[in-house]
Amino acid sequence: MPRVSACISVLNQPELLKDTLQSIKDQTFTDWECIVVDDGSIVPIKPVVEAFNDTRITFHRFDKNRGIPHGANWAYKRAKGEFIQALGCDEIISPTKFADQVAFLDANPNLSIIWGVPGNGPMGPVYEWEQILRKAHNRSREHWLKCFLLLEGVPIGGASALWRKSLFDSIGYFDENLTAFSDHEWFCRVFEKHEGRVLPFRWMNEIPGHNTVSRGDPEKLKKELEYVRKKHPLIIPKTDGLVTIAMPVYNHARFIADSIKSVLAQTDQNFEILIMDDASTDDLEGALMPFKDPRISFFKSDKNEGHMNTVNKMLKIAKGDFFISF
């Protein structure tokens, strides 16, 4: 049984399909199968598949075009692999994608699906700044759903993903009432019940010159989005409104009393104060002696680590739903 099942739905793009299949053939990880579904093309597709002469690649053709996502679901239901690689025939993947992603999912059984950073560019690791620039940072479950439902620059999808086939047993297959939003709606279901992660790698590129379904009828797309929003209401996380006020301090003993007093005078009294001394040389502890409020916690570093490292240390121990540093 193969560990990875690559599933490709193709319509009238044999030249693009060649590059997609070649990128699978070039994988350093060889324990895979590839299922190609021809969704009623009016040009020959099977000869492209046969030219690879690889028994791991199988072909099926619909006599008539059934549209997205019928071909994808047909392949998913017949996939034998432990992991699913979804591909359009206008996408190529890096040679180490299967090896990298299978190893990561094996090492992280709590994760059901992972993605790489979107956008064309050099394959392989990317800098953290590029991941942030492309808004591909990781989010809470509630924030992911908000991102999808409000179309806040969704940074995932396409061939960058690899997921466990067991997801289909848990949440079902793609909704065949949808076209452009079929994977979008499915990812909402993923985040409602499972854990996903975006990693700082580029594992795929789109082949130039492709046509995307998202350029379809605007009214139809609007109705699809309304359908998705009705099916998946926003999740509002429970909160008691606790605010963590973080004070990174280095030789600021003469200022700390006024800072604390300004917090204690707040009209909203649901807060905690974290004070972390970044190896000061003045008498900070003496300046704190008058304050006995149990909401105040004091920590001291053995050596000076700098402002941002000190803030990050407080982020790790903060209990609040909200965080502010000053």
Protein backbone atom coordinates (compact mmCIF):
# COMPACT_ATOMS: atom_id res chain seq x y z
CA MET A 1 0.00 0.00 0.00
CA PRO A 2 1.44 3.41 -0.94
CA ARG A 3 1.82 6.00 1.81
CA VAL A 4 0.94 8.99 -0.41
CA SER A 5 -1.89 9.24 -2.92
CA ALA A 6 -1.54 12.14 -5.36
CA CYS A 7 -4.95 13.00 -6.85
CA ILE A 8 -5.21 15.11 -10.02
CA SER A 9 -8.35 16.30 -11.78
CA VAL A 10 -7.66 17.58 -15.32
CA LEU A 11 -9.71 19.27 -18.03
CA ASN A 12 -8.26 20.06 -21.46
CA GLN A 13 -4.72 20.92 -20.33
CA PRO A 14 -2.45 18.05 -21.45
CA GLU A 15 0.69 20.18 -21.75
CA LEU A 16 0.36 21.46 -18.19
CA LEU A 17 -0.37 17.95 -16.94
CA LYS A 18 3.02 16.77 -18.23
CA ASP A 19 4.85 19.11 -15.87
CA THR A 20 2.60 18.20 -12.95
CA LEU A 21 3.17 14.48 -13.45
CA GLN A 22 6.89 15.00 -13.90
CA SER A 23 7.08 16.81 -10.55
CA ILE A 24 5.50 13.72 -8.93
CA LYS A 25 7.80 11.37 -10.81
CA ASP A 26 10.79 13.39 -9.54
CA GLN A 27 9.93 12.90 -5.85
CA THR A 28 12.77 11.63 -3.67
CA PHE A 29 10.08 9.79 -1.68
CA THR A 30 9.00 6.92 -3.95
CA ASP A 31 6.20 5.24 -1.97
CA TRP A 32 3.31 6.92 -3.80
CA GLU A 33 0.48 6.40 -6.24
CA CYS A 34 -1.03 8.96 -8.58
CA ILE A 35 -4.67 8.96 -9.68
CA VAL A 36 -5.43 11.13 -12.72
CA VAL A 37 -9.10 11.88 -13.42
CA ASP A 38 -10.00 13.33 -16.83
CA ASP A 39 -13.15 15.37 -16.26
CA GLY A 40 -14.56 14.99 -19.79
CA SER A 41 -11.79 16.70 -21.77
CA ILE A 42 -12.31 17.27 -25.49
CA VAL A 43 -8.58 16.76 -26.17
CA PRO A 44 -6.62 13.54 -25.53
CA ILE A 45 -5.34 13.23 -21.97
CA LYS A 46 -4.66 9.51 -21.62
CA PRO A 47 -1.62 9.52 -23.96
CA VAL A 48 0.09 12.01 -21.63
CA VAL A 49 -0.36 9.60 -18.71
CA GLU A 50 0.68 6.55 -20.72
CA ALA A 51 3.88 8.27 -21.88
CA PHE A 52 5.23 8.14 -18.33
CA ASN A 53 5.04 4.33 -18.39
CA ASP A 54 4.76 4.16 -14.60
CA THR A 55 2.46 1.62 -12.98
CA ARG A 56 2.05 3.91 -9.97
CA ILE A 57 0.06 6.31 -12.19
CA THR A 58 -3.53 5.31 -13.01
CA PHE A 59 -6.07 7.03 -15.26
CA HIS A 60 -9.85 7.41 -15.26
CA ARG A 61 -12.04 9.41 -17.63
CA PHE A 62 -15.54 10.83 -17.22
CA ASP A 63 -17.38 10.79 -20.54
CA LYS A 64 -18.92 14.17 -19.72
CA ASN A 65 -17.60 17.10 -17.75
CA ARG A 66 -18.94 16.89 -14.21
CA GLY A 67 -17.11 19.91 -12.81
CA ILE A 68 -15.25 20.62 -9.62
CA PRO A 69 -15.06 18.81 -7.21
CA HIS A 70 -16.47 15.54 -8.60
CA GLY A 71 -13.18 14.37 -10.08
CA ALA A 72 -11.29 15.12 -6.88
CA ASN A 73 -13.80 13.22 -4.75
CA TRP A 74 -13.72 10.26 -7.16
CA ALA A 75 -9.97 10.02 -6.69
CA TYR A 76 -10.05 10.58 -2.91
CA LYS A 77 -12.53 7.76 -2.42
CA ARG A 78 -10.29 5.33 -4.31
CA ALA A 79 -6.99 6.48 -2.86
CA LYS A 80 -5.03 3.78 -1.04
CA GLY A 81 -2.49 6.05 0.64
CA GLU A 82 -2.26 7.15 4.25
CA PHE A 83 -1.77 10.74 3.04
CA ILE A 84 -3.52 12.74 0.31
CA GLN A 85 -1.76 15.11 -2.08
CA ALA A 86 -4.31 17.20 -3.97
CA LEU A 87 -3.07 18.65 -7.26
CA GLY A 88 -4.42 20.72 -10.08
CA CYS A 89 -2.93 20.06 -13.50
CA ASP A 90 -1.47 23.57 -13.36
CA GLU A 91 0.67 22.96 -10.27
CA ILE A 92 4.12 21.49 -9.70
CA ILE A 93 5.66 20.38 -6.43
CA SER A 94 9.24 20.36 -5.15
CA PRO A 95 11.19 17.06 -5.34
CA THR A 96 11.34 16.72 -1.53
CA LYS A 97 7.71 17.59 -0.78
CA PHE A 98 6.51 14.07 0.02
CA ALA A 99 9.65 13.25 2.01
CA ASP A 100 9.52 16.50 4.01
CA GLN A 101 5.81 16.47 4.75
CA VAL A 102 5.40 12.76 5.51
CA ALA A 103 8.32 12.97 7.97
CA PHE A 104 6.76 16.02 9.66
CA LEU A 105 3.31 14.45 9.98
CA ASP A 106 4.84 11.21 11.26
CA ALA A 107 6.65 13.22 13.93
CA ASN A 108 3.52 15.24 14.81
CA PRO A 109 0.56 12.85 15.11
CA ASN A 110 -1.55 15.63 16.64
CA LEU A 111 -1.61 17.41 13.26
CA SER A 112 -4.01 16.31 10.52
CA ILE A 113 -2.88 18.61 7.71
CA ILE A 114 0.03 20.89 6.85
CA TRP A 115 0.63 23.55 4.22
CA GLY A 116 3.59 25.46 2.88
CA VAL A 117 3.92 29.16 2.11
CA PRO A 118 1.86 30.29 -0.94
CA GLY A 119 3.04 32.19 -4.01
CA ASN A 120 5.52 31.27 -6.72
CA GLY A 121 9.20 31.46 -5.93
CA PRO A 122 12.25 29.31 -5.16
CA MET A 123 11.31 25.95 -3.66
CA GLY A 124 12.54 25.01 -0.20
CA PRO A 125 12.78 26.80 3.16
CA VAL A 126 11.67 30.43 3.28
CA TYR A 127 12.55 33.14 5.77
CA GLU A 128 10.08 33.86 8.53
CA TRP A 129 9.62 37.40 7.23
CA GLU A 130 8.32 36.03 3.90
CA GLN A 131 5.84 33.77 5.67
CA ILE A 132 4.57 36.78 7.62
CA LEU A 133 4.60 39.02 4.53
CA ARG A 134 2.35 36.54 2.71
CA LYS A 135 0.04 36.42 5.75
CA ALA A 136 0.74 32.70 6.07
CA HIS A 137 1.22 32.89 9.84
CA ASN A 138 -0.53 30.33 11.99
CA ARG A 139 -3.71 31.26 13.81
CA SER A 140 -6.07 29.96 16.46
CA ARG A 141 -8.94 27.74 15.29
CA GLU A 142 -11.38 30.63 15.73
CA HIS A 143 -9.12 32.99 13.78
CA TRP A 144 -8.71 30.51 10.92
CA LEU A 145 -12.48 30.28 10.52
CA LYS A 146 -12.76 34.06 10.62
CA CYS A 147 -10.07 34.22 7.92
CA PHE A 148 -12.06 31.85 5.68
CA LEU A 149 -15.52 33.25 6.27
CA LEU A 150 -14.51 36.89 5.87
CA LEU A 151 -12.04 36.16 3.03
CA GLU A 152 -9.16 37.75 4.88
CA GLY A 153 -6.46 36.79 2.37
CA VAL A 154 -6.68 33.02 2.87
CA PRO A 155 -3.04 31.85 2.61
CA ILE A 156 -3.57 28.10 2.24
CA GLY A 157 -4.88 25.66 -0.32
CA GLY A 158 -3.71 24.15 -3.54
CA ALA A 159 -0.86 21.73 -3.87
CA SER A 160 1.07 23.00 -0.85
CA ALA A 161 -1.09 20.82 1.44
CA LEU A 162 -0.69 17.23 2.55
CA TRP A 163 -3.32 15.67 4.79
CA ARG A 164 -4.21 12.41 6.41
CA LYS A 165 -6.78 10.41 4.48
CA SER A 166 -8.50 9.74 7.81
CA LEU A 167 -9.83 13.30 7.64
CA PHE A 168 -12.45 12.07 5.17
CA ASP A 169 -13.71 9.55 7.72
CA SER A 170 -14.06 12.36 10.26
CA ILE A 171 -15.53 15.24 8.24
CA GLY A 172 -16.55 13.81 4.86
CA TYR A 173 -15.54 14.71 1.31
CA PHE A 174 -15.73 17.94 -0.68
CA ASP A 175 -19.24 19.39 -1.03
CA GLU A 176 -20.28 18.70 -4.63
CA ASN A 177 -22.77 21.58 -4.56
CA LEU A 178 -19.80 23.93 -4.70
CA THR A 179 -17.13 24.78 -7.27
CA ALA A 180 -14.67 27.55 -6.39
CA PHE A 181 -15.48 27.23 -2.69
CA SER A 182 -15.41 23.42 -2.46
CA ASP A 183 -11.95 23.17 -0.89
CA HIS A 184 -12.57 26.42 1.02
CA GLU A 185 -15.65 24.97 2.73
CA TRP A 186 -13.84 21.68 3.42
CA PHE A 187 -11.01 23.51 5.17
CA CYS A 188 -13.61 25.17 7.41
CA ARG A 189 -14.66 21.68 8.46
CA VAL A 190 -11.03 20.76 9.03
CA PHE A 191 -10.41 23.65 11.42
CA GLU A 192 -13.66 23.08 13.29
CA LYS A 193 -12.44 19.66 14.45
CA HIS A 194 -8.74 19.24 13.66
CA GLU A 195 -5.35 20.88 13.91
CA GLY A 196 -3.49 22.26 10.88
CA ARG A 197 -0.18 24.05 10.51
CA VAL A 198 1.55 26.28 7.95
CA LEU A 199 5.30 25.65 7.75
CA PRO A 200 8.02 28.01 6.46
CA PHE A 201 8.64 26.12 3.22
CA ARG A 202 7.62 26.58 -0.40
CA TRP A 203 6.65 23.19 -1.75
CA MET A 204 4.68 24.19 -4.86
CA ASN A 205 4.46 26.61 -7.76
CA GLU A 206 1.63 27.30 -10.17
CA ILE A 207 2.42 26.84 -13.85
CA PRO A 208 1.91 30.13 -15.74
CA GLY A 209 -0.90 30.28 -18.26
CA HIS A 210 -3.55 28.33 -16.39
CA ASN A 211 -7.22 29.27 -16.12
CA THR A 212 -8.79 29.31 -12.68
CA VAL A 213 -12.41 28.63 -11.79
CA SER A 214 -12.42 31.66 -9.50
CA ARG A 215 -12.86 33.80 -12.62
CA GLY A 216 -16.35 32.35 -13.02
CA ASP A 217 -19.80 33.92 -12.67
CA PRO A 218 -19.62 36.49 -9.80
CA GLU A 219 -23.24 35.87 -8.81
CA LYS A 220 -22.64 32.13 -8.51
CA LEU A 221 -19.52 32.71 -6.42
CA LYS A 222 -21.45 35.08 -4.17
CA LYS A 223 -24.13 32.44 -3.57
CA GLU A 224 -21.49 29.82 -2.82
CA LEU A 225 -19.85 32.05 -0.24
CA GLU A 226 -23.24 32.76 1.37
CA TYR A 227 -23.80 28.98 1.53
CA VAL A 228 -20.43 28.45 3.25
CA ARG A 229 -21.09 31.23 5.77
CA LYS A 230 -24.51 29.83 6.65
CA LYS A 231 -23.08 26.35 7.07
CA HIS A 232 -20.15 27.50 9.23
CA PRO A 233 -21.01 30.30 11.67
CA LEU A 234 -18.12 32.11 13.29
CA ILE A 235 -16.86 30.61 16.53
CA ILE A 236 -16.48 33.20 19.28
CA PRO A 237 -14.07 31.91 21.93
CA LYS A 238 -15.12 32.16 25.56
CA THR A 239 -13.23 34.83 27.49
CA ASP A 240 -13.31 36.40 30.92
CA GLY A 241 -11.55 39.48 29.58
CA LEU A 242 -8.39 39.13 31.67
CA VAL A 243 -5.69 41.54 30.47
CA THR A 244 -2.00 40.72 30.92
CA ILE A 245 0.06 43.87 31.36
CA ALA A 246 3.73 43.09 30.77
CA MET A 247 6.47 45.40 32.02
CA PRO A 248 9.95 44.54 30.76
CA VAL A 249 12.33 46.50 33.00
CA TYR A 250 16.01 47.35 32.78
CA ASN A 251 17.34 50.00 35.19
CA HIS A 252 13.94 51.69 35.42
CA ALA A 253 13.45 51.52 39.19
CA ARG A 254 12.78 55.26 39.37
CA PHE A 255 9.84 54.94 36.94
CA ILE A 256 8.20 51.66 37.95
CA ALA A 257 6.01 53.02 40.78
CA ASP A 258 4.22 55.51 38.53
CA SER A 259 3.68 52.81 35.90
CA ILE A 260 2.14 50.40 38.40
CA LYS A 261 -0.06 53.11 39.91
CA SER A 262 -1.42 53.99 36.46
CA VAL A 263 -2.45 50.35 35.97
CA LEU A 264 -3.98 50.01 39.44
CA ALA A 265 -6.08 53.11 38.71
CA GLN A 266 -7.75 51.52 35.66
CA THR A 267 -11.54 51.43 35.63
CA ASP A 268 -11.34 47.78 34.46
CA GLN A 269 -9.72 45.88 37.31
CA ASN A 270 -9.57 42.46 35.59
CA PHE A 271 -5.84 42.32 34.90
CA GLU A 272 -2.55 40.78 35.92
CA ILE A 273 0.79 42.63 35.95
CA LEU A 274 3.98 40.80 34.98
CA ILE A 275 7.21 42.59 35.82
CA MET A 276 10.41 41.03 34.47
CA ASP A 277 13.74 42.49 35.49
CA ASP A 278 16.23 42.06 32.63
CA ALA A 279 19.25 41.89 35.00
CA SER A 280 19.04 45.52 36.16
CA THR A 281 21.82 47.05 38.25
CA ASP A 282 19.57 49.49 40.17
CA ASP A 283 17.30 48.70 43.14
CA LEU A 284 14.17 47.56 41.29
CA GLU A 285 13.09 45.14 44.03
CA GLY A 286 13.24 47.95 46.57
CA ALA A 287 11.02 50.11 44.36
CA LEU A 288 8.46 47.30 44.26
CA MET A 289 8.30 46.77 48.02
CA PRO A 290 5.28 49.10 48.59
CA PHE A 291 3.10 47.12 46.18
CA LYS A 292 1.45 44.06 47.76
CA ASP A 293 -1.29 43.49 45.17
CA PRO A 294 -1.58 39.71 44.44
CA ARG A 295 -2.14 40.49 40.76
CA ILE A 296 1.48 41.63 40.49
CA SER A 297 4.11 38.98 39.68
CA PHE A 298 7.85 39.66 39.64
CA PHE A 299 10.52 37.74 37.71
CA LYS A 300 14.23 38.34 37.32
CA SER A 301 16.65 37.22 34.60
CA ASP A 302 20.18 36.21 35.53
CA LYS A 303 21.61 38.05 32.54
CA ASN A 304 20.52 40.86 30.25
CA GLU A 305 18.68 39.38 27.25
CA GLY A 306 17.23 42.49 25.60
CA HIS A 307 13.77 43.98 25.34
CA MET A 308 12.10 41.61 22.86
CA ASN A 309 13.44 38.43 24.46
CA THR A 310 12.08 39.66 27.78
CA VAL A 311 8.65 40.40 26.24
CA ASN A 312 8.58 36.96 24.61
CA LYS A 313 9.31 35.30 27.96
CA MET A 314 6.32 37.09 29.45
CA LEU A 315 4.12 36.11 26.52
CA LYS A 316 4.81 32.46 27.33
CA ILE A 317 3.56 32.80 30.91
CA ALA A 318 0.75 35.33 30.35
CA LYS A 319 -2.69 34.12 31.50
CA GLY A 320 -4.76 36.90 29.93
CA ASP A 321 -6.99 36.78 26.89
CA PHE A 322 -5.43 40.12 25.97
CA PHE A 323 -1.79 41.23 26.17
CA ILE A 324 -0.10 44.62 26.28
CA SER A 325 3.52 45.47 26.90
CA PHE A 326 4.88 48.86 27.98
